[in-house]
């Protein structure tokens, strides 16, 4: 259930929306960077002959 936020409803809901968008962006960037770094590490391992 949604509490009655009165005249602050717009501010509170927009703050929630911004927070959710930022959290999703942070998670997305972290996953993207992790994949990129993993690919770079694999490439370095291939070049140096290290297969773990």
PDB file of N, CA and C in Angstrom:
ATOM      1  N   UNK A   1       0.833  -1.190   0.000  1.00  0.00           N
ATOM      2  CA  UNK A   1       0.000   0.000   0.000  1.00  0.00           C
ATOM      3  C   UNK A   1       0.871   1.244   0.000  1.00  0.00           C
ATOM      4  N   UNK A   2       0.353   2.257  -0.605  1.00  0.00           N
ATOM      5  CA  UNK A   2       1.066   3.526  -0.720  1.00  0.00           C
ATOM      6  C   UNK A   2       0.605   4.477   0.378  1.00  0.00           C
ATOM      7  N   UNK A   3       1.555   4.994   1.172  1.00  0.00           N
ATOM      8  CA  UNK A   3       1.150   5.968   2.191  1.00  0.00           C
ATOM      9  C   UNK A   3       0.727   7.283   1.545  1.00  0.00           C
ATOM     10  N   UNK A   4      -0.082   8.029   2.243  1.00  0.00           N
ATOM     11  CA  UNK A   4      -0.506   9.338   1.749  1.00  0.00           C
ATOM     12  C   UNK A   4       0.640  10.324   1.937  1.00  0.00           C
ATOM     13  N   UNK A   5       1.186  10.808   0.846  1.00  0.00           N
ATOM     14  CA  UNK A   5       2.344  11.694   0.903  1.00  0.00           C
ATOM     15  C   UNK A   5       1.955  13.168   0.831  1.00  0.00           C
ATOM     16  N   UNK A   6       0.706  13.424   0.589  1.00  0.00           N
ATOM     17  CA  UNK A   6       0.228  14.807   0.555  1.00  0.00           C
ATOM     18  C   UNK A   6       0.915  15.635  -0.502  1.00  0.00           C
ATOM     19  N   UNK A   7       1.286  16.841  -0.120  1.00  0.00           N
ATOM     20  CA  UNK A   7       1.874  17.763  -1.090  1.00  0.00           C
ATOM     21  C   UNK A   7       3.297  17.383  -1.485  1.00  0.00           C
ATOM     22  N   UNK A   8       3.888  16.412  -0.782  1.00  0.00           N
ATOM     23  CA  UNK A   8       5.258  15.987  -1.084  1.00  0.00           C
ATOM     24  C   UNK A   8       5.306  14.779  -2.014  1.00  0.00           C
ATOM     25  N   UNK A   9       4.171  14.312  -2.485  1.00  0.00           N
ATOM     26  CA  UNK A   9       4.111  13.100  -3.301  1.00  0.00           C
ATOM     27  C   UNK A   9       5.011  13.199  -4.537  1.00  0.00           C
ATOM     28  N   UNK A  10       4.947  14.307  -5.261  1.00  0.00           N
ATOM     29  CA  UNK A  10       5.754  14.439  -6.472  1.00  0.00           C
ATOM     30  C   UNK A  10       7.248  14.371  -6.158  1.00  0.00           C
ATOM     31  N   UNK A  11       7.666  15.067  -5.133  1.00  0.00           N
ATOM     32  CA  UNK A  11       9.087  15.079  -4.773  1.00  0.00           C
ATOM     33  C   UNK A  11       9.564  13.695  -4.326  1.00  0.00           C
ATOM     34  N   UNK A  12       8.771  13.035  -3.505  1.00  0.00           N
ATOM     35  CA  UNK A  12       9.158  11.718  -2.993  1.00  0.00           C
ATOM     36  C   UNK A  12       9.191  10.696  -4.128  1.00  0.00           C
ATOM     37  N   UNK A  13       8.154  10.675  -4.939  1.00  0.00           N
ATOM     38  CA  UNK A  13       8.106   9.700  -6.028  1.00  0.00           C
ATOM     39  C   UNK A  13       9.188   9.941  -7.073  1.00  0.00           C
ATOM     40  N   UNK A  14       9.478  11.203  -7.360  1.00  0.00           N
ATOM     41  CA  UNK A  14      10.551  11.472  -8.318  1.00  0.00           C
ATOM     42  C   UNK A  14      11.911  11.101  -7.730  1.00  0.00           C
ATOM     43  N   UNK A  15      12.098  11.289  -6.430  1.00  0.00           N
ATOM     44  CA  UNK A  15      13.348  10.873  -5.790  1.00  0.00           C
ATOM     45  C   UNK A  15      13.506   9.355  -5.856  1.00  0.00           C
ATOM     46  N   UNK A  16      12.416   8.637  -5.620  1.00  0.00           N
ATOM     47  CA  UNK A  16      12.457   7.179  -5.759  1.00  0.00           C
ATOM     48  C   UNK A  16      12.819   6.794  -7.194  1.00  0.00           C
ATOM     49  N   UNK A  17      12.199   7.428  -8.153  1.00  0.00           N
ATOM     50  CA  UNK A  17      12.451   7.108  -9.560  1.00  0.00           C
ATOM     51  C   UNK A  17      13.913   7.369  -9.927  1.00  0.00           C
ATOM     52  N   UNK A  18      14.444   8.500  -9.526  1.00  0.00           N
ATOM     53  CA  UNK A  18      15.839   8.824  -9.819  1.00  0.00           C
ATOM     54  C   UNK A  18      16.768   7.808  -9.153  1.00  0.00           C
ATOM     55  N   UNK A  19      16.473   7.452  -7.919  1.00  0.00           N
ATOM     56  CA  UNK A  19      17.303   6.472  -7.209  1.00  0.00           C
ATOM     57  C   UNK A  19      17.298   5.124  -7.906  1.00  0.00           C
ATOM     58  N   UNK A  20      16.140   4.680  -8.341  1.00  0.00           N
ATOM     59  CA  UNK A  20      16.050   3.394  -9.034  1.00  0.00           C
ATOM     60  C   UNK A  20      16.811   3.435 -10.354  1.00  0.00           C
ATOM     61  N   UNK A  21      16.658   4.519 -11.096  1.00  0.00           N
ATOM     62  CA  UNK A  21      17.374   4.651 -12.368  1.00  0.00           C
ATOM     63  C   UNK A  21      18.883   4.637 -12.135  1.00  0.00           C
ATOM     64  N   UNK A  22      19.350   5.354 -11.124  1.00  0.00           N
ATOM     65  CA  UNK A  22      20.783   5.380 -10.837  1.00  0.00           C
ATOM     66  C   UNK A  22      21.298   4.013 -10.400  1.00  0.00           C
ATOM     67  N   UNK A  23      20.541   3.298  -9.586  1.00  0.00           N
ATOM     68  CA  UNK A  23      20.949   1.962  -9.164  1.00  0.00           C
ATOM     69  C   UNK A  23      21.035   1.011 -10.354  1.00  0.00           C
ATOM     70  N   UNK A  24      20.056   1.066 -11.234  1.00  0.00           N
ATOM     71  CA  UNK A  24      20.085   0.216 -12.426  1.00  0.00           C
ATOM     72  C   UNK A  24      21.292   0.576 -13.300  1.00  0.00           C
ATOM     73  N   UNK A  25      21.575   1.869 -13.435  1.00  0.00           N
ATOM     74  CA  UNK A  25      22.722   2.304 -14.232  1.00  0.00           C
ATOM     75  C   UNK A  25      24.032   1.813 -13.622  1.00  0.00           C
ATOM     76  N   UNK A  26      24.167   1.897 -12.314  1.00  0.00           N
ATOM     77  CA  UNK A  26      25.389   1.442 -11.643  1.00  0.00           C
ATOM     78  C   UNK A  26      25.578  -0.060 -11.838  1.00  0.00           C
ATOM     79  N   UNK A  27      24.519  -0.825 -11.672  1.00  0.00           N
ATOM     80  CA  UNK A  27      24.613  -2.275 -11.869  1.00  0.00           C
ATOM     81  C   UNK A  27      24.963  -2.594 -13.322  1.00  0.00           C
ATOM     82  N   UNK A  28      24.304  -1.915 -14.245  1.00  0.00           N
ATOM     83  CA  UNK A  28      24.586  -2.135 -15.664  1.00  0.00           C
ATOM     84  C   UNK A  28      26.019  -1.806 -16.027  1.00  0.00           C
ATOM     85  N   UNK A  29      26.513  -0.678 -15.554  1.00  0.00           N
ATOM     86  CA  UNK A  29      27.903  -0.301 -15.838  1.00  0.00           C
ATOM     87  C   UNK A  29      28.887  -1.276 -15.210  1.00  0.00           C
ATOM     88  N   UNK A  30      28.572  -1.753 -14.017  1.00  0.00           N
ATOM     89  CA  UNK A  30      29.445  -2.716 -13.351  1.00  0.00           C
ATOM     90  C   UNK A  30      29.509  -4.021 -14.136  1.00  0.00           C
ATOM     91  N   UNK A  31      28.370  -4.510 -14.597  1.00  0.00           N
ATOM     92  CA  UNK A  31      28.352  -5.734 -15.398  1.00  0.00           C
ATOM     93  C   UNK A  31      29.097  -5.552 -16.711  1.00  0.00           C
ATOM     94  N   UNK A  32      28.872  -4.417 -17.371  1.00  0.00           N
ATOM     95  CA  UNK A  32      29.536  -4.133 -18.635  1.00  0.00           C
ATOM     96  C   UNK A  32      31.052  -4.066 -18.453  1.00  0.00           C
ATOM     97  N   UNK A  33      31.483  -3.365 -17.414  1.00  0.00           N
ATOM     98  CA  UNK A  33      32.922  -3.235 -17.171  1.00  0.00           C
ATOM     99  C   UNK A  33      33.530  -4.580 -16.796  1.00  0.00           C
ATOM    100  N   UNK A  34      32.805  -5.364 -16.012  1.00  0.00           N
ATOM    101  CA  UNK A  34      33.299  -6.686 -15.641  1.00  0.00           C
ATOM    102  C   UNK A  34      33.515  -7.567 -16.849  1.00  0.00           C
ATOM    103  N   UNK A  35      32.580  -7.553 -17.787  1.00  0.00           N
ATOM    104  CA  UNK A  35      32.734  -8.337 -19.011  1.00  0.00           C
ATOM    105  C   UNK A  35      33.928  -7.855 -19.832  1.00  0.00           C
ATOM    106  N   UNK A  36      34.058  -6.528 -19.902  1.00  0.00           N
ATOM    107  CA  UNK A  36      35.160  -5.947 -20.674  1.00  0.00           C
ATOM    108  C   UNK A  36      36.505  -6.323 -20.065  1.00  0.00           C
ATOM    109  N   UNK A  37      36.625  -6.221 -18.754  1.00  0.00           N
ATOM    110  CA  UNK A  37      37.881  -6.563 -18.079  1.00  0.00           C
ATOM    111  C   UNK A  37      38.165  -8.056 -18.216  1.00  0.00           C
ATOM    112  N   UNK A  38      37.128  -8.891 -18.094  1.00  0.00           N
ATOM    113  CA  UNK A  38      37.320 -10.336 -18.254  1.00  0.00           C
ATOM    114  C   UNK A  38      37.833 -10.661 -19.652  1.00  0.00           C
ATOM    115  N   UNK A  39      37.277  -9.992 -20.666  1.00  0.00           N
ATOM    116  CA  UNK A  39      37.738 -10.217 -22.034  1.00  0.00           C
ATOM    117  C   UNK A  39      39.187  -9.770 -22.200  1.00  0.00           C
ATOM    118  N   UNK A  40      39.556  -8.658 -21.592  1.00  0.00           N
ATOM    119  CA  UNK A  40      40.940  -8.186 -21.670  1.00  0.00           C
ATOM    120  C   UNK A  40      41.879  -9.161 -20.974  1.00  0.00           C
ATOM    121  N   UNK A  41      41.461  -9.683 -19.833  1.00  0.00           N
ATOM    122  CA  UNK A  41      42.298 -10.642 -19.109  1.00  0.00           C
ATOM    123  C   UNK A  41      42.491 -11.922 -19.923  1.00  0.00           C
ATOM    124  N   UNK A  42      41.433 -12.373 -20.576  1.00  0.00           N
ATOM    125  CA  UNK A  42      41.526 -13.565 -21.417  1.00  0.00           C
ATOM    126  C   UNK A  42      42.505 -13.331 -22.552  1.00  0.00           C
ATOM    127  N   UNK A  43      42.432 -12.156 -23.153  1.00  0.00           N
ATOM    128  CA  UNK A  43      43.340 -11.819 -24.250  1.00  0.00           C
ATOM    129  C   UNK A  43      44.791 -11.796 -23.765  1.00  0.00           C
ATOM    130  N   UNK A  44      45.046 -11.226 -22.609  1.00  0.00           N
ATOM    131  CA  UNK A  44      46.398 -11.175 -22.055  1.00  0.00           C
ATOM    132  C   UNK A  44      46.890 -12.587 -21.751  1.00  0.00           C
ATOM    133  N   UNK A  45      46.027 -13.419 -21.207  1.00  0.00           N
ATOM    134  CA  UNK A  45      46.411 -14.804 -20.910  1.00  0.00           C
ATOM    135  C   UNK A  45      46.760 -15.558 -22.188  1.00  0.00           C
ATOM    136  N   UNK A  46      46.017 -15.311 -23.270  1.00  0.00           N
ATOM    137  CA  UNK A  46      46.332 -15.964 -24.542  1.00  0.00           C
ATOM    138  C   UNK A  46      47.690 -15.516 -25.069  1.00  0.00           C
ATOM    139  N   UNK A  47      47.958 -14.218 -24.952  1.00  0.00           N
ATOM    140  CA  UNK A  47      49.227 -13.690 -25.456  1.00  0.00           C
ATOM    141  C   UNK A  47      50.414 -14.193 -24.651  1.00  0.00           C
ATOM    142  N   UNK A  48      50.218 -14.342 -23.326  1.00  0.00           N
ATOM    143  CA  UNK A  48      51.335 -14.758 -22.473  1.00  0.00           C
ATOM    144  C   UNK A  48      51.413 -16.270 -22.321  1.00  0.00           C
ATOM    145  N   UNK A  49      50.459 -16.982 -22.885  1.00  0.00           N
ATOM    146  CA  UNK A  49      50.486 -18.433 -22.826  1.00  0.00           C
ATOM    147  C   UNK A  49      50.005 -19.022 -21.520  1.00  0.00           C
ATOM    148  N   UNK A  50      49.291 -18.254 -20.751  1.00  0.00           N
ATOM    149  CA  UNK A  50      48.769 -18.739 -19.465  1.00  0.00           C
ATOM    150  C   UNK A  50      47.313 -19.154 -19.644  1.00  0.00           C
ATOM    151  N   UNK A  51      47.058 -20.396 -19.515  1.00  0.00           N
ATOM    152  CA  UNK A  51      45.690 -20.901 -19.586  1.00  0.00           C
ATOM    153  C   UNK A  51      45.345 -21.491 -18.240  1.00  0.00           C
ATOM    154  N   UNK A  52      44.456 -20.781 -17.523  1.00  0.00           N
ATOM    155  CA  UNK A  52      44.106 -21.205 -16.167  1.00  0.00           C
ATOM    156  C   UNK A  52      43.014 -22.138 -16.189  1.00  0.00           C
TER     157      UNK A  52
END
